[in-house]
C-alpha atoms as a PDB file:
ATOM      1  CA  MET A   1     -15.958 -31.890  55.055  1.00  0.00           C
ATOM      2  CA  GLU A   2     -18.970 -33.475  56.683  1.00  0.00           C
ATOM      3  CA  THR A   3     -22.088 -32.397  58.538  1.00  0.00           C
ATOM      4  CA  ILE A   4     -22.895 -34.160  61.804  1.00  0.00           C
ATOM      5  CA  SER A   5     -26.052 -33.228  63.740  1.00  0.00           C
ATOM      6  CA  GLY A   6     -26.095 -29.834  62.005  1.00  0.00           C
ATOM      7  CA  CYS A   7     -22.417 -29.158  62.816  1.00  0.00           C
ATOM      8  CA  ILE A   8     -19.693 -28.928  60.176  1.00  0.00           C
ATOM      9  CA  VAL A   9     -16.431 -30.843  60.552  1.00  0.00           C
ATOM     10  CA  VAL A  10     -13.541 -29.919  58.242  1.00  0.00           C
ATOM     11  CA  ARG A  11     -10.590 -32.273  58.407  1.00  0.00           C
ATOM     12  CA  PRO A  12      -7.094 -31.367  57.162  1.00  0.00           C
ATOM     13  CA  VAL A  13      -6.559 -32.027  53.460  1.00  0.00           C
ATOM     14  CA  ASP A  14      -3.846 -31.293  50.931  1.00  0.00           C
ATOM     15  CA  THR A  15      -6.139 -30.539  47.993  1.00  0.00           C
ATOM     16  CA  PRO A  16      -5.543 -27.261  46.134  1.00  0.00           C
ATOM     17  CA  GLU A  17      -9.149 -26.127  46.526  1.00  0.00           C
ATOM     18  CA  PRO A  18     -10.234 -24.935  49.979  1.00  0.00           C
ATOM     19  CA  ALA A  19     -13.323 -26.289  51.717  1.00  0.00           C
ATOM     20  CA  HIS A  20     -16.111 -23.679  51.931  1.00  0.00           C
ATOM     21  CA  PHE A  21     -19.207 -23.375  54.049  1.00  0.00           C
ATOM     22  CA  GLY A  22     -21.720 -20.644  54.757  1.00  0.00           C
ATOM     23  CA  PRO A  23     -23.596 -18.449  54.271  1.00  0.00           C
ATOM     24  CA  THR A  24     -26.455 -20.973  54.168  1.00  0.00           C
ATOM     25  CA  GLU A  25     -25.118 -22.825  57.207  1.00  0.00           C
ATOM     26  CA  THR A  26     -24.484 -19.568  59.138  1.00  0.00           C
ATOM     27  CA  GLN A  27     -27.731 -17.740  58.301  1.00  0.00           C
ATOM     28  CA  ASP A  28     -25.733 -15.267  56.149  1.00  0.00           C
ATOM     29  CA  ALA A  29     -23.459 -14.239  59.065  1.00  0.00           C
ATOM     30  CA  TYR A  30     -20.202 -15.302  57.418  1.00  0.00           C
ATOM     31  CA  LEU A  31     -18.420 -17.522  54.903  1.00  0.00           C
ATOM     32  CA  VAL A  32     -15.538 -19.809  55.926  1.00  0.00           C
ATOM     33  CA  MET A  33     -12.739 -21.133  53.703  1.00  0.00           C
ATOM     34  CA  VAL A  34     -10.369 -23.786  55.105  1.00  0.00           C
ATOM     35  CA  GLY A  35      -7.326 -25.016  53.251  1.00  0.00           C
ATOM     36  CA  ALA A  36      -3.630 -24.891  52.488  1.00  0.00           C
ATOM     37  CA  PHE A  37      -1.451 -23.104  49.993  1.00  0.00           C
ATOM     38  CA  PRO A  38       1.970 -24.362  48.949  1.00  0.00           C
ATOM     39  CA  PRO A  39       5.286 -22.540  49.091  1.00  0.00           C
ATOM     40  CA  GLY A  40       6.110 -20.673  45.901  1.00  0.00           C
ATOM     41  CA  GLN A  41       2.470 -20.008  44.988  1.00  0.00           C
ATOM     42  CA  PRO A  42       2.200 -16.408  43.753  1.00  0.00           C
ATOM     43  CA  ALA A  43       0.352 -13.923  45.935  1.00  0.00           C
ATOM     44  CA  PRO A  44      -2.810 -12.321  44.605  1.00  0.00           C
ATOM     45  CA  PRO A  45      -2.292  -8.684  43.606  1.00  0.00           C
ATOM     46  CA  LEU A  46      -2.759  -6.015  46.259  1.00  0.00           C
ATOM     47  CA  HIS A  47      -6.531  -5.640  46.538  1.00  0.00           C
ATOM     48  CA  VAL A  48      -9.504  -4.505  48.606  1.00  0.00           C
ATOM     49  CA  HIS A  49     -12.922  -5.945  49.384  1.00  0.00           C
ATOM     50  CA  PRO A  50     -15.321  -2.971  49.549  1.00  0.00           C
ATOM     51  CA  HIS A  51     -18.232  -4.815  51.208  1.00  0.00           C
ATOM     52  CA  THR A  52     -16.641  -7.526  53.361  1.00  0.00           C
ATOM     53  CA  ASP A  53     -14.179  -7.946  56.239  1.00  0.00           C
ATOM     54  CA  GLU A  54     -11.719 -10.853  56.311  1.00  0.00           C
ATOM     55  CA  ALA A  55     -10.090 -12.637  59.238  1.00  0.00           C
ATOM     56  CA  PHE A  56      -7.149 -14.935  58.452  1.00  0.00           C
ATOM     57  CA  TYR A  57      -6.037 -17.566  60.959  1.00  0.00           C
ATOM     58  CA  VAL A  58      -2.673 -19.230  60.289  1.00  0.00           C
ATOM     59  CA  GLY A  59      -2.807 -22.721  61.766  1.00  0.00           C
ATOM     60  CA  ASP A  60       0.556 -23.892  60.425  1.00  0.00           C
ATOM     61  CA  GLY A  61       3.341 -22.508  58.274  1.00  0.00           C
ATOM     62  CA  ASP A  62       4.678 -19.022  57.606  1.00  0.00           C
ATOM     63  CA  ALA A  63       2.740 -16.359  55.753  1.00  0.00           C
ATOM     64  CA  THR A  64       3.531 -12.732  55.039  1.00  0.00           C
ATOM     65  CA  PHE A  65       0.773 -10.161  54.714  1.00  0.00           C
ATOM     66  CA  GLN A  66       1.004  -6.811  53.027  1.00  0.00           C
ATOM     67  CA  LEU A  67      -1.394  -4.559  54.931  1.00  0.00           C
ATOM     68  CA  GLY A  68      -1.467  -1.163  53.253  1.00  0.00           C
ATOM     69  CA  ASP A  69       2.219  -0.233  52.854  1.00  0.00           C
ATOM     70  CA  ARG A  70       3.576  -2.595  55.557  1.00  0.00           C
ATOM     71  CA  GLU A  71       4.635  -6.235  55.442  1.00  0.00           C
ATOM     72  CA  VAL A  72       3.804  -8.358  58.495  1.00  0.00           C
ATOM     73  CA  ALA A  73       5.068 -11.885  59.192  1.00  0.00           C
ATOM     74  CA  ALA A  74       2.369 -14.243  60.477  1.00  0.00           C
ATOM     75  CA  GLY A  75       3.258 -17.703  61.751  1.00  0.00           C
ATOM     76  CA  ALA A  76       1.240 -20.513  63.301  1.00  0.00           C
ATOM     77  CA  GLY A  77      -1.323 -19.224  65.792  1.00  0.00           C
ATOM     78  CA  CYS A  78      -1.497 -15.718  64.292  1.00  0.00           C
ATOM     79  CA  LEU A  79      -4.814 -14.029  63.462  1.00  0.00           C
ATOM     80  CA  VAL A  80      -4.945 -11.121  61.007  1.00  0.00           C
ATOM     81  CA  PHE A  81      -8.177  -9.105  60.704  1.00  0.00           C
ATOM     82  CA  VAL A  82      -8.542  -7.013  57.541  1.00  0.00           C
ATOM     83  CA  PRO A  83     -11.419  -4.489  57.627  1.00  0.00           C
ATOM     84  CA  ARG A  84     -13.311  -3.882  54.387  1.00  0.00           C
ATOM     85  CA  GLY A  85     -11.636  -1.372  52.089  1.00  0.00           C
ATOM     86  CA  THR A  86      -8.105  -2.070  53.413  1.00  0.00           C
ATOM     87  CA  PRO A  87      -5.493  -2.823  50.698  1.00  0.00           C
ATOM     88  CA  HIS A  88      -3.906  -6.207  51.390  1.00  0.00           C
ATOM     89  CA  THR A  89      -2.444  -9.411  50.016  1.00  0.00           C
ATOM     90  CA  VAL A  90      -0.846 -12.528  51.517  1.00  0.00           C
ATOM     91  CA  TRP A  91       1.679 -15.129  50.416  1.00  0.00           C
ATOM     92  CA  ASN A  92       3.409 -18.237  51.708  1.00  0.00           C
ATOM     93  CA  SER A  93       6.838 -17.026  52.846  1.00  0.00           C
ATOM     94  CA  GLY A  94       8.003 -20.375  54.204  1.00  0.00           C
ATOM     95  CA  ASP A  95       9.212 -23.686  52.842  1.00  0.00           C
ATOM     96  CA  ARG A  96       6.129 -25.774  53.713  1.00  0.00           C
ATOM     97  CA  PRO A  97       2.385 -25.360  53.120  1.00  0.00           C
ATOM     98  CA  VAL A  98       0.480 -22.701  55.035  1.00  0.00           C
ATOM     99  CA  ARG A  99      -2.676 -24.183  56.554  1.00  0.00           C
ATOM    100  CA  GLY A 100      -5.419 -22.028  57.939  1.00  0.00           C
ATOM    101  CA  LEU A 101      -8.799 -20.492  57.510  1.00  0.00           C
ATOM    102  CA  ILE A 102     -10.373 -17.303  56.267  1.00  0.00           C
ATOM    103  CA  VAL A 103     -13.631 -15.938  57.657  1.00  0.00           C
ATOM    104  CA  VAL A 104     -15.505 -13.454  55.455  1.00  0.00           C
ATOM    105  CA  SER A 105     -18.238 -11.278  56.947  1.00  0.00           C
ATOM    106  CA  PRO A 106     -21.015 -10.639  56.281  1.00  0.00           C
ATOM    107  CA  GLY A 107     -21.667 -13.899  54.503  1.00  0.00           C
ATOM    108  CA  ASP A 108     -24.477 -12.573  52.337  1.00  0.00           C
ATOM    109  CA  ALA A 109     -22.498  -9.634  50.860  1.00  0.00           C
ATOM    110  CA  GLU A 110     -20.821  -9.829  47.477  1.00  0.00           C
ATOM    111  CA  HIS A 111     -17.142 -10.587  48.197  1.00  0.00           C
ATOM    112  CA  LEU A 112     -15.670  -8.389  45.466  1.00  0.00           C
ATOM    113  CA  PHE A 113     -11.945  -8.492  44.666  1.00  0.00           C
ATOM    114  CA  VAL A 114     -10.827  -5.025  43.539  1.00  0.00           C
ATOM    115  CA  PRO A 115      -7.118  -4.733  42.575  1.00  0.00           C
ATOM    116  CA  VAL A 116      -5.313  -1.573  43.672  1.00  0.00           C
ATOM    117  CA  ASP A 117      -2.084   0.012  42.489  1.00  0.00           C
ATOM    118  CA  GLY A 118       1.004   0.127  44.705  1.00  0.00           C
ATOM    119  CA  SER A 119      -0.157   3.395  46.311  1.00  0.00           C
ATOM    120  CA  GLY A 120      -3.329   1.751  47.642  1.00  0.00           C
ATOM    121  CA  ALA A 121      -5.694   3.436  45.159  1.00  0.00           C
ATOM    122  CA  ALA A 122      -8.469   1.229  43.758  1.00  0.00           C
END
C-alpha cells in the first residue's frame, strides 16, 4: 500500500493480513480492508456489529455469506451490504483465494464483533 499525492493505492498481495486504511485518511467516514482469504479457512462465528455497517466486494473467487438464516453465494463482481445489527458470517466456498474488500462505516465508530447463537440472538 502506498500514498501518492494524498491518494491511497493498494496493490494485490497474497499476505494473510489485509491492508487497512481510514478513518484518518477518510476523515472518519469509513475504514477499508483489502485482502485475500484462502480456501479452507474457517468462517468467523455468526455475529453482528451493533454500531457499524459493512459492505463486502468480492473481486475474485467464490464466497458464501450467511445473512440471518439464509446462505447466499457471492462470486466475482458481487457486492453484499450488511446493515448494522444484522447476523452474518462469510467463508471461502471455492478452491482458490477470495480477493476483495470490506468497507466499514462509520469509520470512527467502534467496530464491535458480537457473536450470536444460531437463532440470531446476540
